[in-house]
């Protein structure tokens, strides 16, 4: 017994093609979203690395300042 769907074979195939094209677009968009998320994560990690590097440089400079001898005779009183 044949089920009547109201669509001819051609119409059914056209609808299936349209659905597959929608799915293809969704997969493509999902892939682009994933790439952007990974890129954002890399940028955040790079920023964190730079912050840590800057903090280390600040600590090094503060240590160097503390190690400098106090020289008041050339500059006068500080």
PDB file of N, CA and C in Angstrom:
ATOM      1  N   UNK A   1       0.841  -1.178   0.000  1.00  0.00           N
ATOM      2  CA  UNK A   1       0.000   0.000   0.000  1.00  0.00           C
ATOM      3  C   UNK A   1       0.892   1.249   0.000  1.00  0.00           C
ATOM      4  N   UNK A   2       0.583   2.173  -0.846  1.00  0.00           N
ATOM      5  CA  UNK A   2       1.372   3.397  -1.000  1.00  0.00           C
ATOM      6  C   UNK A   2       0.795   4.506  -0.115  1.00  0.00           C
ATOM      7  N   UNK A   3       1.703   5.191   0.634  1.00  0.00           N
ATOM      8  CA  UNK A   3       1.270   6.295   1.495  1.00  0.00           C
ATOM      9  C   UNK A   3       1.257   7.567   0.668  1.00  0.00           C
ATOM     10  N   UNK A   4       0.163   8.288   0.742  1.00  0.00           N
ATOM     11  CA  UNK A   4       0.040   9.530  -0.013  1.00  0.00           C
ATOM     12  C   UNK A   4       0.490  10.678   0.888  1.00  0.00           C
ATOM     13  N   UNK A   5       1.520  11.370   0.458  1.00  0.00           N
ATOM     14  CA  UNK A   5       2.063  12.478   1.253  1.00  0.00           C
ATOM     15  C   UNK A   5       1.668  13.834   0.695  1.00  0.00           C
ATOM     16  N   UNK A   6       1.124  13.852  -0.472  1.00  0.00           N
ATOM     17  CA  UNK A   6       0.771  15.121  -1.083  1.00  0.00           C
ATOM     18  C   UNK A   6       1.903  15.708  -1.904  1.00  0.00           C
ATOM     19  N   UNK A   7       3.044  15.037  -1.946  1.00  0.00           N
ATOM     20  CA  UNK A   7       4.187  15.514  -2.711  1.00  0.00           C
ATOM     21  C   UNK A   7       4.534  14.491  -3.775  1.00  0.00           C
ATOM     22  N   UNK A   8       4.955  14.992  -4.905  1.00  0.00           N
ATOM     23  CA  UNK A   8       5.456  14.086  -5.934  1.00  0.00           C
ATOM     24  C   UNK A   8       6.874  13.698  -5.554  1.00  0.00           C
ATOM     25  N   UNK A   9       7.422  12.748  -6.223  1.00  0.00           N
ATOM     26  CA  UNK A   9       8.794  12.327  -5.957  1.00  0.00           C
ATOM     27  C   UNK A   9       9.763  13.480  -6.135  1.00  0.00           C
ATOM     28  N   UNK A  10       9.535  14.291  -7.161  1.00  0.00           N
ATOM     29  CA  UNK A  10      10.419  15.429  -7.423  1.00  0.00           C
ATOM     30  C   UNK A  10      10.325  16.456  -6.297  1.00  0.00           C
ATOM     31  N   UNK A  11       9.097  16.753  -5.858  1.00  0.00           N
ATOM     32  CA  UNK A  11       8.915  17.726  -4.775  1.00  0.00           C
ATOM     33  C   UNK A  11       9.571  17.236  -3.483  1.00  0.00           C
ATOM     34  N   UNK A  12       9.430  15.941  -3.215  1.00  0.00           N
ATOM     35  CA  UNK A  12      10.021  15.368  -2.014  1.00  0.00           C
ATOM     36  C   UNK A  12      11.541  15.499  -2.068  1.00  0.00           C
ATOM     37  N   UNK A  13      12.107  15.194  -3.238  1.00  0.00           N
ATOM     38  CA  UNK A  13      13.559  15.318  -3.401  1.00  0.00           C
ATOM     39  C   UNK A  13      14.012  16.770  -3.249  1.00  0.00           C
ATOM     40  N   UNK A  14      13.232  17.694  -3.802  1.00  0.00           N
ATOM     41  CA  UNK A  14      13.578  19.113  -3.672  1.00  0.00           C
ATOM     42  C   UNK A  14      13.566  19.542  -2.203  1.00  0.00           C
ATOM     43  N   UNK A  15      12.569  19.062  -1.459  1.00  0.00           N
ATOM     44  CA  UNK A  15      12.488  19.390  -0.026  1.00  0.00           C
ATOM     45  C   UNK A  15      13.669  18.781   0.734  1.00  0.00           C
ATOM     46  N   UNK A  16      14.038  17.565   0.383  1.00  0.00           N
ATOM     47  CA  UNK A  16      15.183  16.920   1.029  1.00  0.00           C
ATOM     48  C   UNK A  16      16.470  17.680   0.723  1.00  0.00           C
ATOM     49  N   UNK A  17      16.608  18.135  -0.524  1.00  0.00           N
ATOM     50  CA  UNK A  17      17.783  18.921  -0.914  1.00  0.00           C
ATOM     51  C   UNK A  17      17.829  20.221  -0.115  1.00  0.00           C
ATOM     52  N   UNK A  18      16.684  20.901   0.008  1.00  0.00           N
ATOM     53  CA  UNK A  18      16.631  22.145   0.780  1.00  0.00           C
ATOM     54  C   UNK A  18      17.030  21.901   2.237  1.00  0.00           C
ATOM     55  N   UNK A  19      16.519  20.804   2.811  1.00  0.00           N
ATOM     56  CA  UNK A  19      16.852  20.481   4.200  1.00  0.00           C
ATOM     57  C   UNK A  19      18.344  20.192   4.344  1.00  0.00           C
ATOM     58  N   UNK A  20      18.908  19.451   3.408  1.00  0.00           N
ATOM     59  CA  UNK A  20      20.341  19.153   3.449  1.00  0.00           C
ATOM     60  C   UNK A  20      21.170  20.429   3.313  1.00  0.00           C
ATOM     61  N   UNK A  21      20.711  21.351   2.477  1.00  0.00           N
ATOM     62  CA  UNK A  21      21.426  22.623   2.322  1.00  0.00           C
ATOM     63  C   UNK A  21      21.375  23.434   3.617  1.00  0.00           C
ATOM     64  N   UNK A  22      20.209  23.407   4.309  1.00  0.00           N
ATOM     65  CA  UNK A  22      20.103  24.100   5.599  1.00  0.00           C
ATOM     66  C   UNK A  22      21.055  23.477   6.618  1.00  0.00           C
ATOM     67  N   UNK A  23      21.109  22.148   6.627  1.00  0.00           N
ATOM     68  CA  UNK A  23      22.005  21.457   7.552  1.00  0.00           C
ATOM     69  C   UNK A  23      23.465  21.775   7.232  1.00  0.00           C
ATOM     70  N   UNK A  24      23.776  21.846   5.938  1.00  0.00           N
ATOM     71  CA  UNK A  24      25.146  22.161   5.519  1.00  0.00           C
ATOM     72  C   UNK A  24      25.532  23.562   5.997  1.00  0.00           C
ATOM     73  N   UNK A  25      24.612  24.523   5.844  1.00  0.00           N
ATOM     74  CA  UNK A  25      24.881  25.887   6.301  1.00  0.00           C
ATOM     75  C   UNK A  25      25.084  25.908   7.810  1.00  0.00           C
ATOM     76  N   UNK A  26      24.258  25.131   8.538  1.00  0.00           N
ATOM     77  CA  UNK A  26      24.376  25.087   9.991  1.00  0.00           C
ATOM     78  C   UNK A  26      25.726  24.502  10.398  1.00  0.00           C
ATOM     79  N   UNK A  27      26.150  23.429   9.732  1.00  0.00           N
ATOM     80  CA  UNK A  27      27.442  22.816  10.045  1.00  0.00           C
ATOM     81  C   UNK A  27      28.568  23.806   9.762  1.00  0.00           C
ATOM     82  N   UNK A  28      28.448  24.529   8.640  1.00  0.00           N
ATOM     83  CA  UNK A  28      29.468  25.517   8.285  1.00  0.00           C
ATOM     84  C   UNK A  28      29.526  26.623   9.341  1.00  0.00           C
ATOM     85  N   UNK A  29      28.357  27.102   9.769  1.00  0.00           N
ATOM     86  CA  UNK A  29      28.314  28.142  10.797  1.00  0.00           C
ATOM     87  C   UNK A  29      28.852  27.623  12.121  1.00  0.00           C
ATOM     88  N   UNK A  30      28.504  26.386  12.463  1.00  0.00           N
ATOM     89  CA  UNK A  30      29.026  25.790  13.698  1.00  0.00           C
ATOM     90  C   UNK A  30      30.552  25.724  13.653  1.00  0.00           C
ATOM     91  N   UNK A  31      31.093  25.370  12.498  1.00  0.00           N
ATOM     92  CA  UNK A  31      32.548  25.314  12.339  1.00  0.00           C
ATOM     93  C   UNK A  31      33.180  26.686  12.488  1.00  0.00           C
ATOM     94  N   UNK A  32      32.532  27.697  11.908  1.00  0.00           N
ATOM     95  CA  UNK A  32      33.055  29.057  12.020  1.00  0.00           C
ATOM     96  C   UNK A  32      33.001  29.542  13.467  1.00  0.00           C
ATOM     97  N   UNK A  33      31.915  29.194  14.158  1.00  0.00           N
ATOM     98  CA  UNK A  33      31.785  29.573  15.566  1.00  0.00           C
ATOM     99  C   UNK A  33      32.899  28.930  16.378  1.00  0.00           C
ATOM    100  N   UNK A  34      33.151  27.650  16.138  1.00  0.00           N
ATOM    101  CA  UNK A  34      34.197  26.933  16.875  1.00  0.00           C
ATOM    102  C   UNK A  34      35.564  27.575  16.616  1.00  0.00           C
ATOM    103  N   UNK A  35      35.835  27.927  15.347  1.00  0.00           N
ATOM    104  CA  UNK A  35      37.109  28.576  15.015  1.00  0.00           C
ATOM    105  C   UNK A  35      37.244  29.910  15.752  1.00  0.00           C
ATOM    106  N   UNK A  36      36.155  30.683  15.784  1.00  0.00           N
ATOM    107  CA  UNK A  36      36.194  31.977  16.471  1.00  0.00           C
ATOM    108  C   UNK A  36      36.391  31.799  17.973  1.00  0.00           C
ATOM    109  N   UNK A  37      35.740  30.773  18.534  1.00  0.00           N
ATOM    110  CA  UNK A  37      35.913  30.512  19.964  1.00  0.00           C
ATOM    111  C   UNK A  37      37.360  30.149  20.274  1.00  0.00           C
ATOM    112  N   UNK A  38      37.970  29.328  19.419  1.00  0.00           N
ATOM    113  CA  UNK A  38      39.365  28.943  19.628  1.00  0.00           C
ATOM    114  C   UNK A  38      40.291  30.149  19.482  1.00  0.00           C
ATOM    115  N   UNK A  39      39.988  31.000  18.488  1.00  0.00           N
ATOM    116  CA  UNK A  39      40.797  32.203  18.287  1.00  0.00           C
ATOM    117  C   UNK A  39      40.687  33.121  19.506  1.00  0.00           C
ATOM    118  N   UNK A  40      39.469  33.266  20.027  1.00  0.00           N
ATOM    119  CA  UNK A  40      39.253  34.091  21.209  1.00  0.00           C
ATOM    120  C   UNK A  40      40.024  33.524  22.405  1.00  0.00           C
ATOM    121  N   UNK A  41      40.011  32.209  22.538  1.00  0.00           N
ATOM    122  CA  UNK A  41      40.731  31.562  23.635  1.00  0.00           C
ATOM    123  C   UNK A  41      42.237  31.805  23.512  1.00  0.00           C
ATOM    124  N   UNK A  42      42.763  31.715  22.282  1.00  0.00           N
ATOM    125  CA  UNK A  42      44.193  31.971  22.069  1.00  0.00           C
ATOM    126  C   UNK A  42      44.544  33.413  22.430  1.00  0.00           C
ATOM    127  N   UNK A  43      43.684  34.353  22.038  1.00  0.00           N
ATOM    128  CA  UNK A  43      43.925  35.768  22.343  1.00  0.00           C
ATOM    129  C   UNK A  43      43.922  35.983  23.857  1.00  0.00           C
ATOM    130  N   UNK A  44      42.952  35.365  24.542  1.00  0.00           N
ATOM    131  CA  UNK A  44      42.890  35.510  25.997  1.00  0.00           C
ATOM    132  C   UNK A  44      44.142  34.938  26.661  1.00  0.00           C
ATOM    133  N   UNK A  45      44.598  33.785  26.186  1.00  0.00           N
ATOM    134  CA  UNK A  45      45.803  33.179  26.750  1.00  0.00           C
ATOM    135  C   UNK A  45      47.031  34.047  26.492  1.00  0.00           C
ATOM    136  N   UNK A  46      47.111  34.626  25.311  1.00  0.00           N
ATOM    137  CA  UNK A  46      48.239  35.504  24.982  1.00  0.00           C
ATOM    138  C   UNK A  46      48.213  36.752  25.867  1.00  0.00           C
ATOM    139  N   UNK A  47      47.021  37.305  26.078  1.00  0.00           N
ATOM    140  CA  UNK A  47      46.908  38.476  26.952  1.00  0.00           C
ATOM    141  C   UNK A  47      47.330  38.116  28.376  1.00  0.00           C
ATOM    142  N   UNK A  48      46.904  36.958  28.842  1.00  0.00           N
ATOM    143  CA  UNK A  48      47.279  36.514  30.188  1.00  0.00           C
ATOM    144  C   UNK A  48      48.792  36.337  30.293  1.00  0.00           C
ATOM    145  N   UNK A  49      49.394  35.778  29.251  1.00  0.00           N
ATOM    146  CA  UNK A  49      50.842  35.589  29.238  1.00  0.00           C
ATOM    147  C   UNK A  49      51.551  36.941  29.312  1.00  0.00           C
ATOM    148  N   UNK A  50      51.067  37.905  28.522  1.00  0.00           N
ATOM    149  CA  UNK A  50      51.681  39.229  28.519  1.00  0.00           C
ATOM    150  C   UNK A  50      51.535  39.915  29.876  1.00  0.00           C
ATOM    151  N   UNK A  51      50.377  39.734  30.506  1.00  0.00           N
ATOM    152  CA  UNK A  51      50.169  40.319  31.836  1.00  0.00           C
ATOM    153  C   UNK A  51      51.151  39.716  32.829  1.00  0.00           C
ATOM    154  N   UNK A  52      51.291  38.393  32.787  1.00  0.00           N
ATOM    155  CA  UNK A  52      52.217  37.720  33.707  1.00  0.00           C
ATOM    156  C   UNK A  52      53.649  38.184  33.460  1.00  0.00           C
ATOM    157  N   UNK A  53      53.992  38.342  32.183  1.00  0.00           N
ATOM    158  CA  UNK A  53      55.335  38.806  31.832  1.00  0.00           C
ATOM    159  C   UNK A  53      55.554  40.228  32.347  1.00  0.00           C
ATOM    160  N   UNK A  54      54.549  41.080  32.195  1.00  0.00           N
ATOM    161  CA  UNK A  54      54.653  42.461  32.672  1.00  0.00           C
ATOM    162  C   UNK A  54      54.791  42.500  34.189  1.00  0.00           C
ATOM    163  N   UNK A  55      54.013  41.660  34.877  1.00  0.00           N
ATOM    164  CA  UNK A  55      54.108  41.614  36.337  1.00  0.00           C
ATOM    165  C   UNK A  55      55.507  41.188  36.775  1.00  0.00           C
ATOM    166  N   UNK A  56      56.086  40.234  36.066  1.00  0.00           N
ATOM    167  CA  UNK A  56      57.439  39.776  36.394  1.00  0.00           C
ATOM    168  C   UNK A  56      58.443  40.909  36.158  1.00  0.00           C
ATOM    169  N   UNK A  57      58.264  41.645  35.053  1.00  0.00           N
ATOM    170  CA  UNK A  57      59.164  42.766  34.771  1.00  0.00           C
ATOM    171  C   UNK A  57      59.052  43.830  35.859  1.00  0.00           C
ATOM    172  N   UNK A  58      57.836  44.087  36.322  1.00  0.00           N
ATOM    173  CA  UNK A  58      57.637  45.075  37.394  1.00  0.00           C
ATOM    174  C   UNK A  58      58.340  44.614  38.664  1.00  0.00           C
ATOM    175  N   UNK A  59      58.165  43.328  38.995  1.00  0.00           N
ATOM    176  CA  UNK A  59      58.835  42.790  40.186  1.00  0.00           C
ATOM    177  C   UNK A  59      60.352  42.908  40.060  1.00  0.00           C
ATOM    178  N   UNK A  60      60.881  42.607  38.880  1.00  0.00           N
ATOM    179  CA  UNK A  60      62.325  42.718  38.660  1.00  0.00           C
ATOM    180  C   UNK A  60      62.795  44.163  38.830  1.00  0.00           C
ATOM    181  N   UNK A  61      62.029  45.106  38.271  1.00  0.00           N
ATOM    182  CA  UNK A  61      62.399  46.520  38.400  1.00  0.00           C
ATOM    183  C   UNK A  61      62.334  46.975  39.852  1.00  0.00           C
ATOM    184  N   UNK A  62      61.304  46.552  40.570  1.00  0.00           N
ATOM    185  CA  UNK A  62      61.194  46.922  41.980  1.00  0.00           C
ATOM    186  C   UNK A  62      62.374  46.363  42.777  1.00  0.00           C
ATOM    187  N   UNK A  63      62.768  45.133  42.479  1.00  0.00           N
ATOM    188  CA  UNK A  63      63.916  44.516  43.152  1.00  0.00           C
ATOM    189  C   UNK A  63      65.186  45.304  42.835  1.00  0.00           C
ATOM    190  N   UNK A  64      65.356  45.684  41.558  1.00  0.00           N
ATOM    191  CA  UNK A  64      66.548  46.442  41.162  1.00  0.00           C
ATOM    192  C   UNK A  64      66.583  47.801  41.856  1.00  0.00           C
ATOM    193  N   UNK A  65      65.422  48.431  41.985  1.00  0.00           N
ATOM    194  CA  UNK A  65      65.361  49.737  42.657  1.00  0.00           C
ATOM    195  C   UNK A  65      65.788  49.595  44.111  1.00  0.00           C
ATOM    196  N   UNK A  66      65.309  48.538  44.768  1.00  0.00           N
ATOM    197  CA  UNK A  66      65.669  48.319  46.171  1.00  0.00           C
ATOM    198  C   UNK A  66      67.156  48.056  46.327  1.00  0.00           C
ATOM    199  N   UNK A  67      67.773  47.470  45.305  1.00  0.00           N
ATOM    200  CA  UNK A  67      69.196  47.142  45.372  1.00  0.00           C
ATOM    201  C   UNK A  67      70.093  48.333  45.042  1.00  0.00           C
ATOM    202  N   UNK A  68      69.530  49.388  44.479  1.00  0.00           N
ATOM    203  CA  UNK A  68      70.343  50.558  44.143  1.00  0.00           C
ATOM    204  C   UNK A  68      70.844  51.218  45.420  1.00  0.00           C
ATOM    205  N   UNK A  69      72.106  51.625  45.411  1.00  0.00           N
ATOM    206  CA  UNK A  69      72.609  52.325  46.604  1.00  0.00           C
ATOM    207  C   UNK A  69      72.000  53.721  46.673  1.00  0.00           C
ATOM    208  N   UNK A  70      71.746  54.159  47.874  1.00  0.00           N
ATOM    209  CA  UNK A  70      71.229  55.517  48.035  1.00  0.00           C
ATOM    210  C   UNK A  70      72.392  56.487  47.890  1.00  0.00           C
ATOM    211  N   UNK A  71      72.291  57.345  46.916  1.00  0.00           N
ATOM    212  CA  UNK A  71      73.377  58.274  46.625  1.00  0.00           C
ATOM    213  C   UNK A  71      72.809  59.678  46.747  1.00  0.00           C
ATOM    214  N   UNK A  72      73.066  60.313  47.842  1.00  0.00           N
ATOM    215  CA  UNK A  72      72.506  61.649  48.042  1.00  0.00           C
ATOM    216  C   UNK A  72      73.519  62.754  47.814  1.00  0.00           C
ATOM    217  N   UNK A  73      74.786  62.400  47.793  1.00  0.00           N
ATOM    218  CA  UNK A  73      75.781  63.466  47.681  1.00  0.00           C
ATOM    219  C   UNK A  73      75.781  64.106  46.296  1.00  0.00           C
ATOM    220  N   UNK A  74      75.443  63.367  45.242  1.00  0.00           N
ATOM    221  CA  UNK A  74      75.466  63.936  43.895  1.00  0.00           C
ATOM    222  C   UNK A  74      74.178  64.695  43.594  1.00  0.00           C
ATOM    223  N   UNK A  75      73.095  64.241  44.166  1.00  0.00           N
ATOM    224  CA  UNK A  75      71.807  64.850  43.852  1.00  0.00           C
ATOM    225  C   UNK A  75      71.317  65.794  44.936  1.00  0.00           C
ATOM    226  N   UNK A  76      71.939  65.730  46.054  1.00  0.00           N
ATOM    227  CA  UNK A  76      71.440  66.486  47.186  1.00  0.00           C
ATOM    228  C   UNK A  76      70.415  65.631  47.930  1.00  0.00           C
ATOM    229  N   UNK A  77      69.815  66.163  48.938  1.00  0.00           N
ATOM    230  CA  UNK A  77      68.842  65.383  49.714  1.00  0.00           C
ATOM    231  C   UNK A  77      67.636  64.993  48.856  1.00  0.00           C
ATOM    232  N   UNK A  78      67.158  63.808  49.096  1.00  0.00           N
ATOM    233  CA  UNK A  78      65.992  63.325  48.332  1.00  0.00           C
ATOM    234  C   UNK A  78      64.751  63.537  49.160  1.00  0.00           C
TER     235      UNK A  78
END
